[in-house]
Amino acid sequence: MIDRRRFSLLQMCLFMLISAPYNQLSTVDAAASVPDLLERCTMIDHCRTCTDTDKLSMEECIETGKVQTLQCPVLDEDGEETEEFQTKYVSCNRTKTDDEFLMVRFQVLCLLFGSLACLSSRKQKSASASLFDQRKMSSRMTEKQRRRTSELPNELEMPELVDREELAALTENDGLEVV
């Protein structure tokens, strides 16, 4: 029953990992959709989230809500590059923050899978241990218990709350003896 629960948990985690938006175009692929744009243009700004005013004024922000700034040379009538440059905006899919979030999510999933694999292998090892291994493990446990009990003090020392001389002075009048 427990193994089925673990398996369904692993299955659910794998589904989340696979269904992540890894199949979306990266910033370079989005710019490559216009063939010559990437070869001729240089990237000025990385992919960034559009502001509210950008979403209203720029067509590129409407599609994904993110934009990348490129600097491209102006082409003359013959298709030759001139010395003038113009700024172009290209829609992109993921910002650096999005990529970092996906990486952290991937690392957490790897940690989860690794932990589950370790726990499962330890459980399987103890379940399939031979009689010799079982005796060996029980002798180790008894040794650890012996060490713990030998480290405990034999007698508990109580701190003195009252000074013995003061107690003796108080008890002299009563005829009691201080031990």
N, C-alpha and C. Protein backbone atom coordinates (compact mmCIF):
# COMPACT_ATOMS: atom_id res chain seq x y z
N MET A 1 0.82 -1.18 0.00
CA MET A 1 0.00 0.00 0.00
C MET A 1 0.87 1.26 0.00
N ILE A 2 1.92 1.25 0.81
CA ILE A 2 2.80 2.42 0.89
C ILE A 2 3.56 2.59 -0.42
N ASP A 3 3.98 1.47 -1.02
CA ASP A 3 4.71 1.56 -2.27
C ASP A 3 3.85 2.17 -3.38
N ARG A 4 2.56 1.87 -3.39
CA ARG A 4 1.67 2.46 -4.39
C ARG A 4 1.52 3.96 -4.17
N ARG A 5 1.49 4.37 -2.91
CA ARG A 5 1.40 5.81 -2.63
C ARG A 5 2.66 6.52 -3.10
N ARG A 6 3.82 5.92 -2.81
CA ARG A 6 5.07 6.52 -3.27
C ARG A 6 5.11 6.58 -4.79
N PHE A 7 4.66 5.51 -5.43
CA PHE A 7 4.67 5.49 -6.88
C PHE A 7 3.75 6.56 -7.44
N SER A 8 2.57 6.74 -6.86
CA SER A 8 1.67 7.77 -7.36
C SER A 8 2.24 9.16 -7.10
N LEU A 9 2.95 9.35 -5.98
CA LEU A 9 3.60 10.62 -5.70
C LEU A 9 4.70 10.89 -6.73
N LEU A 10 5.50 9.89 -7.03
CA LEU A 10 6.53 10.05 -8.05
C LEU A 10 5.91 10.35 -9.41
N GLN A 11 4.83 9.66 -9.71
CA GLN A 11 4.16 9.86 -10.99
C GLN A 11 3.64 11.30 -11.09
N MET A 12 3.07 11.81 -10.01
CA MET A 12 2.55 13.16 -10.01
C MET A 12 3.68 14.18 -10.17
N CYS A 13 4.81 13.94 -9.48
CA CYS A 13 5.95 14.86 -9.60
C CYS A 13 6.53 14.85 -11.01
N LEU A 14 6.61 13.68 -11.60
CA LEU A 14 7.10 13.59 -12.98
C LEU A 14 6.17 14.33 -13.93
N PHE A 15 4.88 14.22 -13.72
CA PHE A 15 3.92 14.91 -14.56
C PHE A 15 4.11 16.42 -14.46
N MET A 16 4.33 16.92 -13.22
CA MET A 16 4.56 18.35 -13.03
C MET A 16 5.85 18.79 -13.73
N LEU A 17 6.86 17.95 -13.67
CA LEU A 17 8.14 18.28 -14.30
C LEU A 17 8.00 18.31 -15.81
N ILE A 18 7.30 17.33 -16.36
CA ILE A 18 7.16 17.25 -17.81
C ILE A 18 6.25 18.34 -18.34
N SER A 19 5.22 18.67 -17.58
CA SER A 19 4.26 19.66 -18.06
C SER A 19 4.74 21.09 -17.88
N ALA A 20 5.93 21.28 -17.35
CA ALA A 20 6.48 22.63 -17.17
C ALA A 20 6.66 23.29 -18.53
N PRO A 21 6.65 24.59 -18.56
CA PRO A 21 6.72 25.29 -19.85
C PRO A 21 8.13 25.29 -20.45
N TYR A 22 8.78 24.13 -20.50
CA TYR A 22 10.10 24.05 -21.10
C TYR A 22 10.03 24.07 -22.62
N ASN A 23 8.88 23.76 -23.16
CA ASN A 23 8.76 23.70 -24.61
C ASN A 23 8.53 25.07 -25.22
N GLN A 24 8.43 26.11 -24.41
CA GLN A 24 8.25 27.44 -24.96
C GLN A 24 9.55 27.91 -25.61
N LEU A 25 9.42 28.85 -26.50
CA LEU A 25 10.61 29.38 -27.17
C LEU A 25 11.42 30.22 -26.21
N SER A 26 12.71 30.12 -26.29
CA SER A 26 13.56 30.99 -25.48
C SER A 26 13.70 32.32 -26.19
N THR A 27 14.44 33.24 -25.59
CA THR A 27 14.56 34.57 -26.17
C THR A 27 15.26 34.53 -27.52
N VAL A 28 16.26 33.66 -27.67
CA VAL A 28 16.97 33.58 -28.94
C VAL A 28 16.08 32.97 -30.01
N ASP A 29 15.30 31.94 -29.66
CA ASP A 29 14.42 31.30 -30.63
C ASP A 29 13.33 32.25 -31.10
N ALA A 30 12.84 33.08 -30.20
CA ALA A 30 11.79 34.02 -30.57
C ALA A 30 12.34 35.03 -31.58
N ALA A 31 13.57 35.46 -31.38
CA ALA A 31 14.16 36.41 -32.31
C ALA A 31 14.51 35.72 -33.62
N ALA A 32 14.76 34.42 -33.58
CA ALA A 32 15.12 33.69 -34.79
C ALA A 32 13.93 33.44 -35.69
N SER A 33 12.71 33.71 -35.21
CA SER A 33 11.54 33.51 -36.05
C SER A 33 11.55 34.49 -37.22
N VAL A 34 12.21 35.59 -37.07
CA VAL A 34 12.45 36.49 -38.20
C VAL A 34 13.88 36.17 -38.64
N PRO A 35 14.07 35.50 -39.80
CA PRO A 35 15.35 34.88 -40.17
C PRO A 35 16.58 35.77 -40.09
N ASP A 36 16.56 36.90 -40.73
CA ASP A 36 17.77 37.72 -40.79
C ASP A 36 17.92 38.64 -39.58
N LEU A 37 16.91 38.71 -38.77
CA LEU A 37 16.94 39.64 -37.65
C LEU A 37 18.05 39.31 -36.67
N LEU A 38 18.22 38.03 -36.35
CA LEU A 38 19.24 37.64 -35.38
C LEU A 38 20.64 37.81 -35.93
N GLU A 39 20.83 37.57 -37.21
CA GLU A 39 22.17 37.69 -37.80
C GLU A 39 22.63 39.13 -37.87
N ARG A 40 21.74 40.02 -38.14
CA ARG A 40 22.13 41.41 -38.35
C ARG A 40 22.00 42.27 -37.10
N CYS A 41 21.15 41.89 -36.19
CA CYS A 41 20.87 42.74 -35.02
C CYS A 41 21.69 42.29 -33.82
N THR A 42 21.91 43.24 -32.91
CA THR A 42 22.56 42.93 -31.64
C THR A 42 21.56 43.19 -30.51
N MET A 43 21.66 42.37 -29.48
CA MET A 43 20.73 42.49 -28.37
C MET A 43 21.19 43.62 -27.45
N ILE A 44 20.30 44.54 -27.19
CA ILE A 44 20.59 45.65 -26.29
C ILE A 44 20.14 45.32 -24.87
N ASP A 45 18.94 44.77 -24.77
CA ASP A 45 18.36 44.48 -23.47
C ASP A 45 17.83 43.05 -23.47
N HIS A 46 17.98 42.35 -22.34
CA HIS A 46 17.45 40.99 -22.22
C HIS A 46 15.93 41.04 -22.19
N CYS A 47 15.34 39.89 -22.30
CA CYS A 47 13.88 39.77 -22.24
C CYS A 47 13.40 40.32 -20.90
N ARG A 48 12.40 41.18 -20.94
CA ARG A 48 11.87 41.79 -19.72
C ARG A 48 10.35 41.83 -19.79
N THR A 49 9.72 41.94 -18.65
CA THR A 49 8.27 42.04 -18.57
C THR A 49 7.84 43.44 -18.96
N CYS A 50 6.81 43.53 -19.76
CA CYS A 50 6.30 44.84 -20.21
C CYS A 50 5.56 45.54 -19.07
N THR A 51 5.70 46.85 -19.04
CA THR A 51 4.94 47.65 -18.08
C THR A 51 3.53 47.85 -18.65
N ASP A 52 2.66 48.42 -17.85
CA ASP A 52 1.29 48.66 -18.30
C ASP A 52 1.24 49.60 -19.50
N THR A 53 2.09 50.62 -19.48
CA THR A 53 2.10 51.55 -20.61
C THR A 53 2.67 50.89 -21.87
N ASP A 54 3.66 49.99 -21.69
CA ASP A 54 4.21 49.27 -22.84
C ASP A 54 3.16 48.38 -23.47
N LYS A 55 2.33 47.75 -22.64
CA LYS A 55 1.30 46.85 -23.16
C LYS A 55 0.29 47.59 -24.02
N LEU A 56 0.06 48.85 -23.70
CA LEU A 56 -0.89 49.63 -24.48
C LEU A 56 -0.28 50.18 -25.76
N SER A 57 1.01 50.51 -25.72
CA SER A 57 1.63 51.19 -26.85
C SER A 57 2.40 50.29 -27.81
N MET A 58 2.81 49.10 -27.38
CA MET A 58 3.65 48.24 -28.23
C MET A 58 2.90 46.96 -28.61
N GLU A 59 2.94 46.62 -29.90
CA GLU A 59 2.30 45.40 -30.38
C GLU A 59 2.99 44.15 -29.83
N GLU A 60 4.30 44.21 -29.69
CA GLU A 60 5.08 43.06 -29.25
C GLU A 60 4.72 42.61 -27.84
N CYS A 61 4.26 43.54 -27.01
CA CYS A 61 3.91 43.21 -25.63
C CYS A 61 2.56 42.50 -25.52
N ILE A 62 1.72 42.64 -26.51
CA ILE A 62 0.38 42.07 -26.45
C ILE A 62 0.43 40.54 -26.48
N GLU A 63 1.30 39.97 -27.28
CA GLU A 63 1.35 38.52 -27.47
C GLU A 63 1.76 37.76 -26.20
N THR A 64 2.90 38.10 -25.61
CA THR A 64 3.40 37.34 -24.44
C THR A 64 3.50 38.17 -23.17
N GLY A 65 3.45 39.48 -23.28
CA GLY A 65 3.62 40.33 -22.11
C GLY A 65 5.08 40.57 -21.78
N LYS A 66 5.97 40.12 -22.68
CA LYS A 66 7.41 40.31 -22.49
C LYS A 66 8.01 40.80 -23.79
N VAL A 67 9.08 41.58 -23.68
CA VAL A 67 9.70 42.17 -24.87
C VAL A 67 11.22 42.20 -24.72
N GLN A 68 11.89 42.14 -25.85
CA GLN A 68 13.35 42.21 -25.90
C GLN A 68 13.73 43.32 -26.87
N THR A 69 14.74 44.10 -26.52
CA THR A 69 15.16 45.22 -27.34
C THR A 69 16.38 44.82 -28.18
N LEU A 70 16.31 45.09 -29.49
CA LEU A 70 17.40 44.79 -30.42
C LEU A 70 17.79 46.07 -31.16
N GLN A 71 19.06 46.14 -31.54
CA GLN A 71 19.54 47.26 -32.35
C GLN A 71 19.92 46.68 -33.71
N CYS A 72 19.23 47.14 -34.76
CA CYS A 72 19.42 46.59 -36.09
C CYS A 72 19.90 47.66 -37.06
N PRO A 73 20.74 47.26 -38.02
CA PRO A 73 21.16 48.24 -39.03
C PRO A 73 20.02 48.51 -40.02
N VAL A 74 20.00 49.72 -40.51
CA VAL A 74 18.99 50.09 -41.51
C VAL A 74 19.47 49.58 -42.86
N LEU A 75 18.57 48.98 -43.63
CA LEU A 75 18.90 48.46 -44.96
C LEU A 75 18.53 49.49 -46.02
N ASP A 76 19.39 49.62 -47.02
CA ASP A 76 19.06 50.53 -48.11
C ASP A 76 18.21 49.79 -49.15
N GLU A 77 17.98 50.41 -50.29
CA GLU A 77 17.10 49.85 -51.32
C GLU A 77 17.63 48.54 -51.90
N ASP A 78 18.93 48.36 -51.91
CA ASP A 78 19.54 47.15 -52.47
C ASP A 78 19.62 46.01 -51.44
N GLY A 79 19.24 46.26 -50.21
CA GLY A 79 19.33 45.25 -49.16
C GLY A 79 20.66 45.26 -48.44
N GLU A 80 21.47 46.26 -48.70
CA GLU A 80 22.77 46.41 -48.05
C GLU A 80 22.61 47.16 -46.73
N GLU A 81 23.47 46.82 -45.79
CA GLU A 81 23.43 47.49 -44.50
C GLU A 81 24.05 48.87 -44.60
N THR A 82 23.43 49.83 -43.93
CA THR A 82 23.99 51.17 -43.86
C THR A 82 24.61 51.36 -42.48
N GLU A 83 25.18 52.54 -42.24
CA GLU A 83 25.81 52.80 -40.95
C GLU A 83 24.81 53.26 -39.90
N GLU A 84 23.57 53.45 -40.29
CA GLU A 84 22.53 53.87 -39.35
C GLU A 84 21.91 52.65 -38.67
N PHE A 85 21.46 52.85 -37.45
CA PHE A 85 20.84 51.77 -36.69
C PHE A 85 19.46 52.21 -36.21
N GLN A 86 18.59 51.23 -36.09
CA GLN A 86 17.27 51.50 -35.52
C GLN A 86 16.99 50.48 -34.41
N THR A 87 16.17 50.87 -33.46
CA THR A 87 15.83 50.00 -32.35
C THR A 87 14.55 49.25 -32.70
N LYS A 88 14.60 47.93 -32.53
CA LYS A 88 13.42 47.10 -32.78
C LYS A 88 13.08 46.34 -31.51
N TYR A 89 11.82 46.06 -31.35
CA TYR A 89 11.34 45.29 -30.21
C TYR A 89 10.77 43.98 -30.72
N VAL A 90 11.14 42.89 -30.03
CA VAL A 90 10.70 41.56 -30.41
C VAL A 90 10.04 40.91 -29.20
N SER A 91 8.93 40.25 -29.43
CA SER A 91 8.26 39.53 -28.36
C SER A 91 9.11 38.32 -27.96
N CYS A 92 9.20 38.06 -26.66
CA CYS A 92 9.95 36.91 -26.16
C CYS A 92 9.12 36.19 -25.11
N ASN A 93 9.55 34.99 -24.71
CA ASN A 93 8.72 34.18 -23.83
C ASN A 93 9.16 34.13 -22.38
N ARG A 94 10.47 34.10 -22.11
CA ARG A 94 10.93 33.93 -20.73
C ARG A 94 11.97 34.97 -20.36
N THR A 95 11.79 35.53 -19.18
CA THR A 95 12.78 36.46 -18.64
C THR A 95 13.81 35.66 -17.84
N LYS A 96 14.84 36.34 -17.36
CA LYS A 96 15.84 35.67 -16.52
C LYS A 96 15.21 35.15 -15.24
N THR A 97 14.28 35.88 -14.68
CA THR A 97 13.61 35.45 -13.46
C THR A 97 12.82 34.17 -13.70
N ASP A 98 12.15 34.08 -14.85
CA ASP A 98 11.41 32.86 -15.19
C ASP A 98 12.36 31.67 -15.29
N ASP A 99 13.50 31.87 -15.94
CA ASP A 99 14.48 30.79 -16.07
C ASP A 99 15.03 30.36 -14.71
N GLU A 100 15.29 31.33 -13.82
CA GLU A 100 15.79 31.00 -12.49
C GLU A 100 14.74 30.23 -11.70
N PHE A 101 13.48 30.62 -11.82
CA PHE A 101 12.41 29.91 -11.13
C PHE A 101 12.31 28.47 -11.62
N LEU A 102 12.41 28.27 -12.92
CA LEU A 102 12.36 26.92 -13.46
C LEU A 102 13.54 26.08 -12.99
N MET A 103 14.71 26.69 -12.88
CA MET A 103 15.89 25.97 -12.41
C MET A 103 15.73 25.56 -10.95
N VAL A 104 15.24 26.46 -10.11
CA VAL A 104 15.03 26.14 -8.70
C VAL A 104 13.98 25.03 -8.57
N ARG A 105 12.94 25.12 -9.36
CA ARG A 105 11.91 24.08 -9.32
C ARG A 105 12.48 22.72 -9.73
N PHE A 106 13.32 22.72 -10.73
CA PHE A 106 13.97 21.49 -11.18
C PHE A 106 14.87 20.92 -10.08
N GLN A 107 15.63 21.78 -9.39
CA GLN A 107 16.52 21.33 -8.33
C GLN A 107 15.73 20.77 -7.15
N VAL A 108 14.61 21.38 -6.81
CA VAL A 108 13.78 20.87 -5.72
C VAL A 108 13.22 19.50 -6.08
N LEU A 109 12.78 19.34 -7.31
CA LEU A 109 12.27 18.04 -7.74
C LEU A 109 13.37 16.98 -7.72
N CYS A 110 14.57 17.34 -8.13
CA CYS A 110 15.69 16.38 -8.08
C CYS A 110 15.99 16.00 -6.63
N LEU A 111 15.96 16.96 -5.72
CA LEU A 111 16.18 16.68 -4.31
C LEU A 111 15.10 15.74 -3.77
N LEU A 112 13.87 15.98 -4.16
CA LEU A 112 12.76 15.14 -3.72
C LEU A 112 12.93 13.71 -4.23
N PHE A 113 13.24 13.57 -5.51
CA PHE A 113 13.43 12.24 -6.09
C PHE A 113 14.62 11.52 -5.45
N GLY A 114 15.70 12.24 -5.22
CA GLY A 114 16.87 11.64 -4.58
C GLY A 114 16.57 11.17 -3.16
N SER A 115 15.84 11.99 -2.41
CA SER A 115 15.48 11.61 -1.04
C SER A 115 14.59 10.38 -1.03
N LEU A 116 13.60 10.37 -1.92
CA LEU A 116 12.71 9.21 -1.99
C LEU A 116 13.47 7.96 -2.40
N ALA A 117 14.41 8.10 -3.31
CA ALA A 117 15.21 6.95 -3.74
C ALA A 117 16.06 6.42 -2.59
N CYS A 118 16.67 7.31 -1.81
CA CYS A 118 17.48 6.87 -0.65
C CYS A 118 16.62 6.16 0.38
N LEU A 119 15.47 6.74 0.69
CA LEU A 119 14.59 6.11 1.67
C LEU A 119 14.11 4.74 1.19
N SER A 120 13.77 4.66 -0.06
CA SER A 120 13.29 3.40 -0.60
C SER A 120 14.39 2.34 -0.60
N SER A 121 15.62 2.73 -0.96
CA SER A 121 16.70 1.76 -0.98
C SER A 121 17.07 1.30 0.43
N ARG A 122 17.03 2.19 1.41
CA ARG A 122 17.31 1.79 2.79
C ARG A 122 16.25 0.82 3.31
N LYS A 123 14.99 1.14 2.98
CA LYS A 123 13.91 0.26 3.42
C LYS A 123 14.05 -1.12 2.76
N GLN A 124 14.36 -1.12 1.48
CA GLN A 124 14.51 -2.38 0.76
C GLN A 124 15.71 -3.17 1.29
N LYS A 125 16.77 -2.46 1.64
CA LYS A 125 17.97 -3.13 2.17
C LYS A 125 17.67 -3.79 3.51
N SER A 126 16.95 -3.09 4.37
CA SER A 126 16.64 -3.68 5.68
C SER A 126 15.62 -4.80 5.54
N ALA A 127 14.73 -4.71 4.56
CA ALA A 127 13.72 -5.76 4.37
C ALA A 127 14.35 -7.03 3.81
N SER A 128 15.36 -6.89 3.00
CA SER A 128 15.95 -8.07 2.37
C SER A 128 17.30 -8.46 2.99
N ALA A 129 17.55 -8.01 4.23
CA ALA A 129 18.82 -8.32 4.89
C ALA A 129 18.85 -9.80 5.29
N SER A 130 20.02 -10.38 5.19
CA SER A 130 20.18 -11.78 5.60
C SER A 130 20.22 -11.85 7.13
N LEU A 131 20.17 -13.03 7.66
CA LEU A 131 20.19 -13.22 9.10
C LEU A 131 21.49 -12.68 9.70
N PHE A 132 22.59 -12.87 8.98
CA PHE A 132 23.89 -12.34 9.43
C PHE A 132 23.84 -10.82 9.53
N ASP A 133 23.29 -10.17 8.48
CA ASP A 133 23.21 -8.71 8.48
C ASP A 133 22.29 -8.20 9.59
N GLN A 134 21.19 -8.92 9.84
CA GLN A 134 20.28 -8.51 10.90
C GLN A 134 20.96 -8.58 12.27
N ARG A 135 21.73 -9.62 12.51
CA ARG A 135 22.46 -9.73 13.78
C ARG A 135 23.51 -8.63 13.91
N LYS A 136 24.16 -8.35 12.81
CA LYS A 136 25.19 -7.30 12.80
C LYS A 136 24.56 -5.94 13.14
N MET A 137 23.40 -5.65 12.53
CA MET A 137 22.72 -4.38 12.80
C MET A 137 22.25 -4.30 14.25
N SER A 138 21.74 -5.41 14.80
CA SER A 138 21.27 -5.39 16.19
C SER A 138 22.43 -5.24 17.17
N SER A 139 23.59 -5.82 16.85
CA SER A 139 24.75 -5.66 17.74
C SER A 139 25.25 -4.22 17.72
N ARG A 140 25.17 -3.57 16.57
CA ARG A 140 25.55 -2.15 16.49
C ARG A 140 24.61 -1.30 17.33
N MET A 141 23.32 -1.62 17.30
CA MET A 141 22.35 -0.85 18.08
C MET A 141 22.61 -1.01 19.58
N THR A 142 22.92 -2.23 20.01
CA THR A 142 23.19 -2.43 21.44
C THR A 142 24.46 -1.72 21.86
N GLU A 143 25.46 -1.66 20.99
CA GLU A 143 26.70 -0.93 21.31
C GLU A 143 26.40 0.56 21.47
N LYS A 144 25.57 1.10 20.62
CA LYS A 144 25.22 2.52 20.73
C LYS A 144 24.47 2.79 22.02
N GLN A 145 23.58 1.88 22.41
CA GLN A 145 22.84 2.06 23.65
C GLN A 145 23.78 1.98 24.85
N ARG A 146 24.76 1.08 24.81
CA ARG A 146 25.73 0.98 25.91
C ARG A 146 26.54 2.26 26.04
N ARG A 147 26.95 2.82 24.91
CA ARG A 147 27.72 4.07 24.95
C ARG A 147 26.89 5.19 25.56
N ARG A 148 25.65 5.27 25.18
CA ARG A 148 24.80 6.33 25.71
C ARG A 148 24.61 6.19 27.21
N THR A 149 24.40 4.96 27.68
CA THR A 149 24.20 4.78 29.12
C THR A 149 25.48 4.99 29.90
N SER A 150 26.65 4.70 29.32
CA SER A 150 27.91 4.92 30.03
C SER A 150 28.25 6.40 30.11
N GLU A 151 27.73 7.20 29.19
CA GLU A 151 28.00 8.63 29.21
C GLU A 151 27.16 9.36 30.24
N LEU A 152 26.05 8.75 30.69
CA LEU A 152 25.21 9.40 31.69
C LEU A 152 25.92 9.37 33.04
N PRO A 153 25.81 10.41 33.83
CA PRO A 153 26.43 10.40 35.16
C PRO A 153 25.69 9.44 36.08
N ASN A 154 26.46 8.78 36.98
CA ASN A 154 25.86 7.82 37.91
C ASN A 154 25.00 8.51 38.96
N GLU A 155 25.48 9.60 39.48
CA GLU A 155 24.74 10.32 40.50
C GLU A 155 24.46 11.72 39.99
N LEU A 156 23.27 12.14 40.21
CA LEU A 156 22.92 13.49 39.82
C LEU A 156 23.35 14.45 40.90
N GLU A 157 24.02 15.50 40.53
CA GLU A 157 24.47 16.49 41.49
C GLU A 157 23.44 17.60 41.56
N MET A 158 23.03 17.90 42.76
CA MET A 158 22.05 18.95 42.96
C MET A 158 22.78 20.23 43.31
N PRO A 159 22.42 21.31 42.70
CA PRO A 159 23.07 22.58 43.06
C PRO A 159 22.60 23.03 44.44
N GLU A 160 23.50 23.68 45.13
CA GLU A 160 23.16 24.15 46.47
C GLU A 160 22.40 25.45 46.35
N LEU A 161 21.22 25.45 46.90
CA LEU A 161 20.39 26.64 46.84
C LEU A 161 20.67 27.58 48.00
N VAL A 162 21.09 26.99 49.16
CA VAL A 162 21.37 27.78 50.35
C VAL A 162 22.79 27.47 50.79
N ASP A 163 23.50 28.46 51.24
CA ASP A 163 24.86 28.27 51.72
C ASP A 163 24.84 27.42 52.99
N ARG A 164 25.73 26.43 53.09
CA ARG A 164 25.75 25.50 54.23
C ARG A 164 26.00 26.23 55.57
N GLU A 165 26.85 27.25 55.55
CA GLU A 165 27.14 27.98 56.79
C GLU A 165 25.90 28.70 57.32
N GLU A 166 25.14 29.29 56.39
CA GLU A 166 23.92 29.98 56.80
C GLU A 166 22.91 28.97 57.34
N LEU A 167 22.83 27.82 56.68
CA LEU A 167 21.91 26.78 57.12
C LEU A 167 22.31 26.26 58.51
N ALA A 168 23.62 26.11 58.72
CA ALA A 168 24.10 25.63 60.02
C ALA A 168 23.78 26.65 61.11
N ALA A 169 23.94 27.93 60.82
CA ALA A 169 23.64 28.97 61.80
C ALA A 169 22.16 28.98 62.13
N LEU A 170 21.32 28.75 61.14
CA LEU A 170 19.88 28.75 61.38
C LEU A 170 19.43 27.52 62.18
N THR A 171 20.08 26.40 61.91
CA THR A 171 19.67 25.17 62.57
C THR A 171 20.29 24.97 63.95
N GLU A 172 21.33 25.75 64.32
CA GLU A 172 21.93 25.63 65.65
C GLU A 172 20.91 25.96 66.72
N ASN A 173 20.13 26.94 66.46
CA ASN A 173 19.13 27.35 67.43
C ASN A 173 18.07 26.27 67.64
N ASP A 174 17.79 25.51 66.57
CA ASP A 174 16.75 24.49 66.66
C ASP A 174 17.31 23.17 67.17
N GLY A 175 18.62 22.99 67.20
CA GLY A 175 19.23 21.76 67.66
C GLY A 175 19.29 20.69 66.57
N LEU A 176 19.20 21.11 65.32
CA LEU A 176 19.28 20.15 64.20
C LEU A 176 20.70 20.10 63.69
N GLU A 177 21.05 18.99 63.06
CA GLU A 177 22.40 18.81 62.55
C GLU A 177 22.37 18.90 61.02
N VAL A 178 23.35 19.62 60.43
CA VAL A 178 23.43 19.78 58.98
C VAL A 178 24.30 18.69 58.42
N VAL A 179 23.82 17.98 57.42
CA VAL A 179 24.57 16.87 56.83
C VAL A 179 25.28 17.33 55.60
